[in-house]
C-alpha atoms as a PDB file:
ATOM      1  CA  UNK A   1      20.802  21.036 -21.278  1.00  0.00           C
ATOM      2  CA  UNK A   2      17.563  21.747 -22.725  1.00  0.00           C
ATOM      3  CA  UNK A   3      14.130  21.993 -21.296  1.00  0.00           C
ATOM      4  CA  UNK A   4      10.878  22.465 -21.804  1.00  0.00           C
ATOM      5  CA  UNK A   5       8.456  24.702 -19.319  1.00  0.00           C
ATOM      6  CA  UNK A   6       4.879  23.808 -19.352  1.00  0.00           C
ATOM      7  CA  UNK A   7       1.806  23.542 -16.618  1.00  0.00           C
ATOM      8  CA  UNK A   8      -1.177  21.944 -15.514  1.00  0.00           C
ATOM      9  CA  UNK A   9      -3.738  24.753 -14.481  1.00  0.00           C
ATOM     10  CA  UNK A  10      -0.953  26.763 -13.511  1.00  0.00           C
ATOM     11  CA  UNK A  11       0.816  23.627 -11.769  1.00  0.00           C
ATOM     12  CA  UNK A  12       4.357  24.651 -13.652  1.00  0.00           C
ATOM     13  CA  UNK A  13       7.378  22.494 -13.909  1.00  0.00           C
ATOM     14  CA  UNK A  14      10.767  21.855 -15.879  1.00  0.00           C
ATOM     15  CA  UNK A  15      10.471  19.291 -17.808  1.00  0.00           C
ATOM     16  CA  UNK A  16      13.717  17.396 -18.775  1.00  0.00           C
ATOM     17  CA  UNK A  17      14.520  14.501 -21.315  1.00  0.00           C
ATOM     18  CA  UNK A  18      16.714  12.129 -19.704  1.00  0.00           C
ATOM     19  CA  UNK A  19      16.352   9.669 -22.853  1.00  0.00           C
ATOM     20  CA  UNK A  20      18.669  12.334 -24.255  1.00  0.00           C
ATOM     21  CA  UNK A  21      20.401  14.563 -21.949  1.00  0.00           C
ATOM     22  CA  UNK A  22      23.111  13.316 -19.617  1.00  0.00           C
ATOM     23  CA  UNK A  23      21.843  13.653 -15.926  1.00  0.00           C
ATOM     24  CA  UNK A  24      24.989  11.937 -14.497  1.00  0.00           C
ATOM     25  CA  UNK A  25      27.046  13.754 -12.096  1.00  0.00           C
ATOM     26  CA  UNK A  26      23.802  16.092 -11.146  1.00  0.00           C
ATOM     27  CA  UNK A  27      22.653  16.403  -7.549  1.00  0.00           C
ATOM     28  CA  UNK A  28      19.242  16.533  -9.074  1.00  0.00           C
ATOM     29  CA  UNK A  29      17.644  17.758  -5.806  1.00  0.00           C
ATOM     30  CA  UNK A  30      19.597  20.982  -5.923  1.00  0.00           C
ATOM     31  CA  UNK A  31      18.991  21.273  -9.825  1.00  0.00           C
ATOM     32  CA  UNK A  32      15.637  21.261  -9.123  1.00  0.00           C
ATOM     33  CA  UNK A  33      16.089  23.815  -6.262  1.00  0.00           C
ATOM     34  CA  UNK A  34      18.159  26.213  -8.956  1.00  0.00           C
ATOM     35  CA  UNK A  35      16.122  25.742 -11.649  1.00  0.00           C
ATOM     36  CA  UNK A  36      12.621  26.346  -9.744  1.00  0.00           C
ATOM     37  CA  UNK A  37      13.568  29.684  -8.471  1.00  0.00           C
ATOM     38  CA  UNK A  38      11.288  31.981  -9.997  1.00  0.00           C
ATOM     39  CA  UNK A  39      13.957  34.838  -9.578  1.00  0.00           C
ATOM     40  CA  UNK A  40      17.110  33.413 -10.232  1.00  0.00           C
ATOM     41  CA  UNK A  41      16.283  30.194 -12.154  1.00  0.00           C
ATOM     42  CA  UNK A  42      13.716  29.596 -14.843  1.00  0.00           C
ATOM     43  CA  UNK A  43      10.620  29.291 -12.342  1.00  0.00           C
ATOM     44  CA  UNK A  44       8.634  26.391 -11.366  1.00  0.00           C
ATOM     45  CA  UNK A  45       6.778  24.452  -8.645  1.00  0.00           C
ATOM     46  CA  UNK A  46      10.100  21.925  -9.327  1.00  0.00           C
ATOM     47  CA  UNK A  47      11.340  19.692 -12.410  1.00  0.00           C
ATOM     48  CA  UNK A  48       9.831  16.844 -14.360  1.00  0.00           C
ATOM     49  CA  UNK A  49      12.267  14.145 -15.801  1.00  0.00           C
ATOM     50  CA  UNK A  50      11.395  12.001 -18.674  1.00  0.00           C
ATOM     51  CA  UNK A  51      13.158   8.733 -18.379  1.00  0.00           C
ATOM     52  CA  UNK A  52      13.176   5.197 -19.923  1.00  0.00           C
ATOM     53  CA  UNK A  53      11.002   2.502 -18.026  1.00  0.00           C
ATOM     54  CA  UNK A  54      11.663  -1.097 -18.256  1.00  0.00           C
ATOM     55  CA  UNK A  55       7.892  -1.842 -16.659  1.00  0.00           C
ATOM     56  CA  UNK A  56       5.901   1.138 -18.888  1.00  0.00           C
ATOM     57  CA  UNK A  57       6.233   3.215 -21.872  1.00  0.00           C
ATOM     58  CA  UNK A  58       7.966   5.816 -19.812  1.00  0.00           C
ATOM     59  CA  UNK A  59       9.062   6.741 -16.485  1.00  0.00           C
ATOM     60  CA  UNK A  60       8.405  10.238 -14.845  1.00  0.00           C
ATOM     61  CA  UNK A  61      10.280  11.431 -11.584  1.00  0.00           C
ATOM     62  CA  UNK A  62       9.393  14.634  -9.853  1.00  0.00           C
ATOM     63  CA  UNK A  63      11.397  16.359  -7.982  1.00  0.00           C
ATOM     64  CA  UNK A  64       9.575  19.762  -5.951  1.00  0.00           C
ATOM     65  CA  UNK A  65      11.133  23.440  -5.547  1.00  0.00           C
ATOM     66  CA  UNK A  66      12.758  22.191  -2.309  1.00  0.00           C
ATOM     67  CA  UNK A  67      14.473  19.683  -3.843  1.00  0.00           C
ATOM     68  CA  UNK A  68      12.422  16.846  -2.191  1.00  0.00           C
ATOM     69  CA  UNK A  69      10.882  13.971  -4.140  1.00  0.00           C
ATOM     70  CA  UNK A  70       7.504  13.332  -5.047  1.00  0.00           C
ATOM     71  CA  UNK A  71       5.784  10.244  -5.907  1.00  0.00           C
ATOM     72  CA  UNK A  72       3.092  11.551  -8.102  1.00  0.00           C
ATOM     73  CA  UNK A  73       1.344  14.686  -9.650  1.00  0.00           C
ATOM     74  CA  UNK A  74      -1.831  14.799 -11.328  1.00  0.00           C
ATOM     75  CA  UNK A  75      -1.495  17.624 -13.289  1.00  0.00           C
ATOM     76  CA  UNK A  76       2.469  17.149 -13.702  1.00  0.00           C
ATOM     77  CA  UNK A  77       1.301  13.688 -15.631  1.00  0.00           C
ATOM     78  CA  UNK A  78      -0.720  14.977 -18.134  1.00  0.00           C
ATOM     79  CA  UNK A  79       1.813  17.724 -19.243  1.00  0.00           C
ATOM     80  CA  UNK A  80       3.808  14.825 -18.945  1.00  0.00           C
ATOM     81  CA  UNK A  81       1.888  12.765 -21.523  1.00  0.00           C
ATOM     82  CA  UNK A  82       1.383  15.797 -23.875  1.00  0.00           C
ATOM     83  CA  UNK A  83       5.495  15.853 -24.292  1.00  0.00           C
ATOM     84  CA  UNK A  84       6.032  12.463 -24.606  1.00  0.00           C
ATOM     85  CA  UNK A  85       3.369  12.197 -27.457  1.00  0.00           C
ATOM     86  CA  UNK A  86       3.879  15.372 -29.174  1.00  0.00           C
ATOM     87  CA  UNK A  87       7.845  15.122 -28.950  1.00  0.00           C
ATOM     88  CA  UNK A  88       7.106  11.367 -30.584  1.00  0.00           C
ATOM     89  CA  UNK A  89       8.681   9.241 -27.636  1.00  0.00           C
ATOM     90  CA  UNK A  90       5.507   7.105 -27.972  1.00  0.00           C
ATOM     91  CA  UNK A  91       2.891   7.085 -30.658  1.00  0.00           C
ATOM     92  CA  UNK A  92       0.287   5.825 -28.537  1.00  0.00           C
ATOM     93  CA  UNK A  93      -2.507   7.550 -26.891  1.00  0.00           C
ATOM     94  CA  UNK A  94      -3.178   5.509 -23.890  1.00  0.00           C
ATOM     95  CA  UNK A  95      -0.008   5.427 -21.853  1.00  0.00           C
ATOM     96  CA  UNK A  96       1.270   3.424 -18.972  1.00  0.00           C
ATOM     97  CA  UNK A  97       3.893   5.770 -16.952  1.00  0.00           C
ATOM     98  CA  UNK A  98       6.038   4.532 -14.133  1.00  0.00           C
ATOM     99  CA  UNK A  99       5.610   6.736 -11.168  1.00  0.00           C
ATOM    100  CA  UNK A 100       6.566   6.620  -7.631  1.00  0.00           C
ATOM    101  CA  UNK A 101       2.871   5.846  -7.042  1.00  0.00           C
ATOM    102  CA  UNK A 102       3.100   2.719  -9.257  1.00  0.00           C
ATOM    103  CA  UNK A 103       1.373   2.586 -12.841  1.00  0.00           C
ATOM    104  CA  UNK A 104      -0.336   5.893 -14.090  1.00  0.00           C
ATOM    105  CA  UNK A 105      -2.562   5.314 -17.165  1.00  0.00           C
ATOM    106  CA  UNK A 106      -3.182   9.059 -19.109  1.00  0.00           C
ATOM    107  CA  UNK A 107      -5.455   8.743 -22.038  1.00  0.00           C
ATOM    108  CA  UNK A 108      -4.804  11.621 -24.443  1.00  0.00           C
ATOM    109  CA  UNK A 109      -7.593  13.456 -26.990  1.00  0.00           C
ATOM    110  CA  UNK A 110      -5.313  14.775 -30.086  1.00  0.00           C
ATOM    111  CA  UNK A 111      -6.478  16.974 -32.499  1.00  0.00           C
ATOM    112  CA  UNK A 112      -4.440  17.639 -35.754  1.00  0.00           C
ATOM    113  CA  UNK A 113      -1.370  15.996 -33.821  1.00  0.00           C
ATOM    114  CA  UNK A 114      -1.629  18.404 -30.929  1.00  0.00           C
ATOM    115  CA  UNK A 115      -2.880  16.959 -27.448  1.00  0.00           C
ATOM    116  CA  UNK A 116      -5.515  18.974 -26.128  1.00  0.00           C
ATOM    117  CA  UNK A 117      -7.081  17.292 -22.797  1.00  0.00           C
ATOM    118  CA  UNK A 118      -5.638  14.299 -20.794  1.00  0.00           C
ATOM    119  CA  UNK A 119      -8.031  11.852 -18.719  1.00  0.00           C
ATOM    120  CA  UNK A 120      -5.823  10.381 -16.107  1.00  0.00           C
ATOM    121  CA  UNK A 121      -6.854   7.170 -14.403  1.00  0.00           C
ATOM    122  CA  UNK A 122      -5.489   8.182 -10.840  1.00  0.00           C
ATOM    123  CA  UNK A 123      -6.117   4.554  -9.694  1.00  0.00           C
ATOM    124  CA  UNK A 124      -7.905   3.735  -6.408  1.00  0.00           C
ATOM    125  CA  UNK A 125      -7.896   5.971  -3.393  1.00  0.00           C
ATOM    126  CA  UNK A 126      -5.891   4.417  -0.109  1.00  0.00           C
ATOM    127  CA  UNK A 127      -8.112   5.483   2.836  1.00  0.00           C
ATOM    128  CA  UNK A 128      -6.443   3.546   5.761  1.00  0.00           C
ATOM    129  CA  UNK A 129      -4.577   5.381   8.390  1.00  0.00           C
ATOM    130  CA  UNK A 130      -1.373   3.279   7.741  1.00  0.00           C
ATOM    131  CA  UNK A 131      -1.660   4.010   4.021  1.00  0.00           C
ATOM    132  CA  UNK A 132      -1.688   7.303   4.153  1.00  0.00           C
ATOM    133  CA  UNK A 133       0.864   7.272   6.086  1.00  0.00           C
ATOM    134  CA  UNK A 134      -0.730   8.941   9.472  1.00  0.00           C
ATOM    135  CA  UNK A 135       0.803   8.150  12.968  1.00  0.00           C
ATOM    136  CA  UNK A 136      -2.146   6.527  15.410  1.00  0.00           C
ATOM    137  CA  UNK A 137      -4.211   3.623  16.064  1.00  0.00           C
ATOM    138  CA  UNK A 138      -5.944   1.909  14.749  1.00  0.00           C
ATOM    139  CA  UNK A 139      -4.032   1.732  11.607  1.00  0.00           C
ATOM    140  CA  UNK A 140      -6.537  -0.090   9.599  1.00  0.00           C
ATOM    141  CA  UNK A 141      -9.557   2.222  10.007  1.00  0.00           C
ATOM    142  CA  UNK A 142     -10.105   5.141   7.638  1.00  0.00           C
ATOM    143  CA  UNK A 143      -9.372   8.727   9.142  1.00  0.00           C
ATOM    144  CA  UNK A 144     -12.664  10.677   8.195  1.00  0.00           C
ATOM    145  CA  UNK A 145     -13.582  13.825  10.029  1.00  0.00           C
ATOM    146  CA  UNK A 146     -10.907  13.337  12.775  1.00  0.00           C
ATOM    147  CA  UNK A 147     -10.222  16.028  15.120  1.00  0.00           C
ATOM    148  CA  UNK A 148      -6.319  16.441  15.734  1.00  0.00           C
ATOM    149  CA  UNK A 149      -4.883  19.507  17.254  1.00  0.00           C
ATOM    150  CA  UNK A 150      -2.641  21.968  15.453  1.00  0.00           C
ATOM    151  CA  UNK A 151      -0.719  24.508  17.920  1.00  0.00           C
ATOM    152  CA  UNK A 152      -3.762  24.399  20.424  1.00  0.00           C
ATOM    153  CA  UNK A 153      -6.148  24.737  17.617  1.00  0.00           C
ATOM    154  CA  UNK A 154      -8.654  21.902  16.973  1.00  0.00           C
ATOM    155  CA  UNK A 155      -9.360  21.130  13.329  1.00  0.00           C
ATOM    156  CA  UNK A 156     -10.994  18.089  11.729  1.00  0.00           C
ATOM    157  CA  UNK A 157      -9.598  16.517   8.911  1.00  0.00           C
ATOM    158  CA  UNK A 158     -10.148  13.335   6.641  1.00  0.00           C
ATOM    159  CA  UNK A 159      -7.087  11.951   5.234  1.00  0.00           C
ATOM    160  CA  UNK A 160      -6.494  10.558   1.976  1.00  0.00           C
ATOM    161  CA  UNK A 161      -3.633   8.968  -0.063  1.00  0.00           C
ATOM    162  CA  UNK A 162      -3.186   8.805  -3.975  1.00  0.00           C
ATOM    163  CA  UNK A 163       0.042   7.548  -3.592  1.00  0.00           C
ATOM    164  CA  UNK A 164       0.843  10.287  -1.325  1.00  0.00           C
ATOM    165  CA  UNK A 165      -0.476  11.874   1.549  1.00  0.00           C
ATOM    166  CA  UNK A 166      -3.366  14.410   1.512  1.00  0.00           C
ATOM    167  CA  UNK A 167      -5.195  16.052   4.711  1.00  0.00           C
ATOM    168  CA  UNK A 168      -8.480  17.367   3.472  1.00  0.00           C
ATOM    169  CA  UNK A 169     -10.126  20.184   5.267  1.00  0.00           C
ATOM    170  CA  UNK A 170     -13.646  21.611   4.638  1.00  0.00           C
ATOM    171  CA  UNK A 171     -13.783  25.237   5.068  1.00  0.00           C
ATOM    172  CA  UNK A 172     -17.241  27.728   4.807  1.00  0.00           C
ATOM    173  CA  UNK A 173     -14.745  29.920   2.280  1.00  0.00           C
ATOM    174  CA  UNK A 174     -11.704  28.946   0.338  1.00  0.00           C
ATOM    175  CA  UNK A 175     -10.924  32.943   0.173  1.00  0.00           C
ATOM    176  CA  UNK A 176     -10.490  33.415   3.792  1.00  0.00           C
ATOM    177  CA  UNK A 177      -8.969  29.738   4.317  1.00  0.00           C
ATOM    178  CA  UNK A 178      -5.902  29.585   6.350  1.00  0.00           C
ATOM    179  CA  UNK A 179      -3.913  28.323   3.648  1.00  0.00           C
ATOM    180  CA  UNK A 180      -0.198  29.879   3.998  1.00  0.00           C
ATOM    181  CA  UNK A 181      -0.522  29.901   7.753  1.00  0.00           C
ATOM    182  CA  UNK A 182      -1.975  26.355   9.008  1.00  0.00           C
ATOM    183  CA  UNK A 183      -1.055  24.666   5.471  1.00  0.00           C
ATOM    184  CA  UNK A 184       2.731  24.444   6.517  1.00  0.00           C
ATOM    185  CA  UNK A 185       1.898  23.474   9.961  1.00  0.00           C
ATOM    186  CA  UNK A 186      -0.382  20.586   9.079  1.00  0.00           C
ATOM    187  CA  UNK A 187       2.387  19.397   6.449  1.00  0.00           C
ATOM    188  CA  UNK A 188       5.146  19.140   9.312  1.00  0.00           C
ATOM    189  CA  UNK A 189       2.759  17.835  12.185  1.00  0.00           C
ATOM    190  CA  UNK A 190       4.369  15.013  13.613  1.00  0.00           C
ATOM    191  CA  UNK A 191       1.279  12.949  12.732  1.00  0.00           C
ATOM    192  CA  UNK A 192       2.656  12.628   9.082  1.00  0.00           C
ATOM    193  CA  UNK A 193       5.446  10.849   8.909  1.00  0.00           C
ATOM    194  CA  UNK A 194       6.330  11.771   5.366  1.00  0.00           C
ATOM    195  CA  UNK A 195       5.030  14.931   5.802  1.00  0.00           C
ATOM    196  CA  UNK A 196       1.470  15.821   3.981  1.00  0.00           C
ATOM    197  CA  UNK A 197      -0.068  17.677   1.434  1.00  0.00           C
ATOM    198  CA  UNK A 198      -3.094  19.833   2.723  1.00  0.00           C
ATOM    199  CA  UNK A 199      -5.750  20.694   1.191  1.00  0.00           C
ATOM    200  CA  UNK A 200      -9.023  23.680   1.876  1.00  0.00           C
ATOM    201  CA  UNK A 201     -12.132  22.665   0.295  1.00  0.00           C
ATOM    202  CA  UNK A 202     -15.014  24.536  -0.201  1.00  0.00           C
ATOM    203  CA  UNK A 203     -18.320  22.314  -1.108  1.00  0.00           C
ATOM    204  CA  UNK A 204     -20.318  24.667  -4.044  1.00  0.00           C
ATOM    205  CA  UNK A 205     -23.020  21.998  -4.176  1.00  0.00           C
ATOM    206  CA  UNK A 206     -23.028  18.056  -5.028  1.00  0.00           C
ATOM    207  CA  UNK A 207     -21.450  18.415  -7.892  1.00  0.00           C
ATOM    208  CA  UNK A 208     -18.874  21.458  -7.585  1.00  0.00           C
ATOM    209  CA  UNK A 209     -16.305  22.194  -5.317  1.00  0.00           C
ATOM    210  CA  UNK A 210     -13.827  24.828  -4.678  1.00  0.00           C
ATOM    211  CA  UNK A 211      -9.797  24.313  -3.508  1.00  0.00           C
ATOM    212  CA  UNK A 212      -6.719  25.607  -2.535  1.00  0.00           C
ATOM    213  CA  UNK A 213      -3.814  23.544  -2.127  1.00  0.00           C
ATOM    214  CA  UNK A 214      -0.560  23.839   0.348  1.00  0.00           C
ATOM    215  CA  UNK A 215       1.416  21.652  -1.605  1.00  0.00           C
ATOM    216  CA  UNK A 216       4.417  19.428   0.381  1.00  0.00           C
ATOM    217  CA  UNK A 217       7.606  20.706  -0.669  1.00  0.00           C
ATOM    218  CA  UNK A 218       6.239  23.464  -2.847  1.00  0.00           C
ATOM    219  CA  UNK A 219       4.010  25.810  -0.626  1.00  0.00           C
ATOM    220  CA  UNK A 220       0.422  27.144  -1.964  1.00  0.00           C
ATOM    221  CA  UNK A 221       0.104  26.186  -5.683  1.00  0.00           C
ATOM    222  CA  UNK A 222      -2.337  27.316  -8.545  1.00  0.00           C
ATOM    223  CA  UNK A 223      -3.593  23.335  -8.865  1.00  0.00           C
ATOM    224  CA  UNK A 224      -2.909  19.809  -7.508  1.00  0.00           C
ATOM    225  CA  UNK A 225      -4.221  17.114  -9.587  1.00  0.00           C
ATOM    226  CA  UNK A 226      -3.787  14.636  -6.610  1.00  0.00           C
ATOM    227  CA  UNK A 227      -4.882  17.104  -4.154  1.00  0.00           C
ATOM    228  CA  UNK A 228      -7.878  17.544  -6.361  1.00  0.00           C
ATOM    229  CA  UNK A 229      -8.709  14.034  -6.302  1.00  0.00           C
ATOM    230  CA  UNK A 230      -7.994  13.224  -2.859  1.00  0.00           C
ATOM    231  CA  UNK A 231     -10.478  16.435  -1.491  1.00  0.00           C
ATOM    232  CA  UNK A 232     -13.260  14.952  -4.117  1.00  0.00           C
ATOM    233  CA  UNK A 233     -12.812  11.211  -2.543  1.00  0.00           C
ATOM    234  CA  UNK A 234     -13.023  13.321   0.956  1.00  0.00           C
ATOM    235  CA  UNK A 235     -16.490  14.883  -0.172  1.00  0.00           C
ATOM    236  CA  UNK A 236     -17.946  11.452  -1.278  1.00  0.00           C
ATOM    237  CA  UNK A 237     -16.609  10.045   2.234  1.00  0.00           C
ATOM    238  CA  UNK A 238     -17.963  12.710   4.058  1.00  0.00           C
ATOM    239  CA  UNK A 239     -21.586  12.862   2.321  1.00  0.00           C
ATOM    240  CA  UNK A 240     -21.012  16.301   1.026  1.00  0.00           C
ATOM    241  CA  UNK A 241     -20.770  15.278  -2.880  1.00  0.00           C
ATOM    242  CA  UNK A 242     -21.549  13.138  -5.788  1.00  0.00           C
ATOM    243  CA  UNK A 243     -19.032  10.465  -7.306  1.00  0.00           C
ATOM    244  CA  UNK A 244     -18.820  13.030 -10.251  1.00  0.00           C
ATOM    245  CA  UNK A 245     -18.077  16.684  -9.709  1.00  0.00           C
ATOM    246  CA  UNK A 246     -16.159  19.738 -11.258  1.00  0.00           C
ATOM    247  CA  UNK A 247     -13.599  20.978  -8.945  1.00  0.00           C
ATOM    248  CA  UNK A 248     -12.486  24.865  -8.994  1.00  0.00           C
ATOM    249  CA  UNK A 249      -8.728  25.770  -8.262  1.00  0.00           C
ATOM    250  CA  UNK A 250      -7.213  28.866  -8.584  1.00  0.00           C
ATOM    251  CA  UNK A 251      -5.706  27.858 -12.111  1.00  0.00           C
ATOM    252  CA  UNK A 252      -8.883  26.546 -13.657  1.00  0.00           C
ATOM    253  CA  UNK A 253     -10.897  23.221 -13.528  1.00  0.00           C
ATOM    254  CA  UNK A 254     -10.860  19.856 -14.001  1.00  0.00           C
ATOM    255  CA  UNK A 255     -13.234  16.968 -14.048  1.00  0.00           C
ATOM    256  CA  UNK A 256     -13.090  14.057 -11.388  1.00  0.00           C
ATOM    257  CA  UNK A 257     -15.279  10.773 -11.282  1.00  0.00           C
ATOM    258  CA  UNK A 258     -15.120   7.685  -9.205  1.00  0.00           C
ATOM    259  CA  UNK A 259     -15.860   4.929 -11.085  1.00  0.00           C
ATOM    260  CA  UNK A 260     -17.761   1.868  -9.818  1.00  0.00           C
ATOM    261  CA  UNK A 261     -14.462  -0.201 -10.216  1.00  0.00           C
ATOM    262  CA  UNK A 262     -13.064   2.116  -7.680  1.00  0.00           C
ATOM    263  CA  UNK A 263     -10.490   3.645  -9.816  1.00  0.00           C
ATOM    264  CA  UNK A 264     -10.771   7.511  -9.575  1.00  0.00           C
ATOM    265  CA  UNK A 265     -10.599   9.556 -12.771  1.00  0.00           C
ATOM    266  CA  UNK A 266      -9.323  13.004 -13.254  1.00  0.00           C
ATOM    267  CA  UNK A 267      -9.844  15.151 -16.924  1.00  0.00           C
ATOM    268  CA  UNK A 268      -8.209  18.278 -17.377  1.00  0.00           C
ATOM    269  CA  UNK A 269      -6.069  20.479 -20.220  1.00  0.00           C
ATOM    270  CA  UNK A 270      -1.942  20.589 -20.184  1.00  0.00           C
ATOM    271  CA  UNK A 271       0.042  23.732 -21.836  1.00  0.00           C
ATOM    272  CA  UNK A 272       3.309  24.088 -23.051  1.00  0.00           C
ATOM    273  CA  UNK A 273       4.561  27.468 -22.325  1.00  0.00           C
ATOM    274  CA  UNK A 274       8.477  27.775 -23.799  1.00  0.00           C
ATOM    275  CA  UNK A 275      11.496  25.602 -24.519  1.00  0.00           C
ATOM    276  CA  UNK A 276      15.201  26.595 -24.089  1.00  0.00           C
ATOM    277  CA  UNK A 277      18.616  25.803 -22.922  1.00  0.00           C
ATOM    278  CA  UNK A 278      20.162  26.054 -19.579  1.00  0.00           C
ATOM    279  CA  UNK A 279      22.969  28.298 -18.869  1.00  0.00           C
ATOM    280  CA  UNK A 280      26.020  26.088 -17.672  1.00  0.00           C
ATOM    281  CA  UNK A 281      26.488  28.032 -14.736  1.00  0.00           C
ATOM    282  CA  UNK A 282      23.284  26.613 -13.367  1.00  0.00           C
ATOM    283  CA  UNK A 283      24.403  23.219 -13.850  1.00  0.00           C
ATOM    284  CA  UNK A 284      27.722  23.814 -12.119  1.00  0.00           C
ATOM    285  CA  UNK A 285      25.473  25.120  -8.957  1.00  0.00           C
ATOM    286  CA  UNK A 286      24.146  21.349  -9.453  1.00  0.00           C
END
């Protein structure tokens, strides 16, 4: 099985072309766990499958490093679009990609046949409690600055869905934020029936945020596109930021805007690292 290792600001995945590779008979969850292992496998935050679609140009399927499936990944789809264009799977620079979060539309900047940046229409944020999903009532209201209890500690959260759930906390300093301790406790909090991603956000100005993220199913990662989007939406809802900001992540910067039509757009790079073949022993494990 051929694969390509790619990342968006360090949020890295193993890409497999399902249009060419035979995936039948494989336990894809176990394949992701095996290949994502940074010591015994290729290493990554998960695997992304490039698949045919009846509803769009292509279909992107994401499995996290723990084998769970994610609806969307803002960094992953930029690399997905770069992969598809540079390998001739499409000649379009404006794509429609089927995902678990619906149709997502990346727009490519191409220089000399190479994709240098990708701007993604992330769709409209879903803000109602039942849309996130988050337990409790009323289900048809927003969760903005709500106090919740976590193992005897009270924290204030704002929750947003970008096709996948996000729980955003504002902190004085991301360097000192309890990402690896509070993050997993919130991910598995009973208020979130589908678990949740958790973002810790430091406001640097009305046009600049700094963020660290605990990703559902992957732990702390260097970047999260849907998380960056949800964080910026949460900052606007709390009156802390304008509708166009730069977001600093551990892996680099993303540009974000919330357009008048209620769609949010995220722009950033995508990088190919290397390609190779998976040893048959790893496939046997799956």
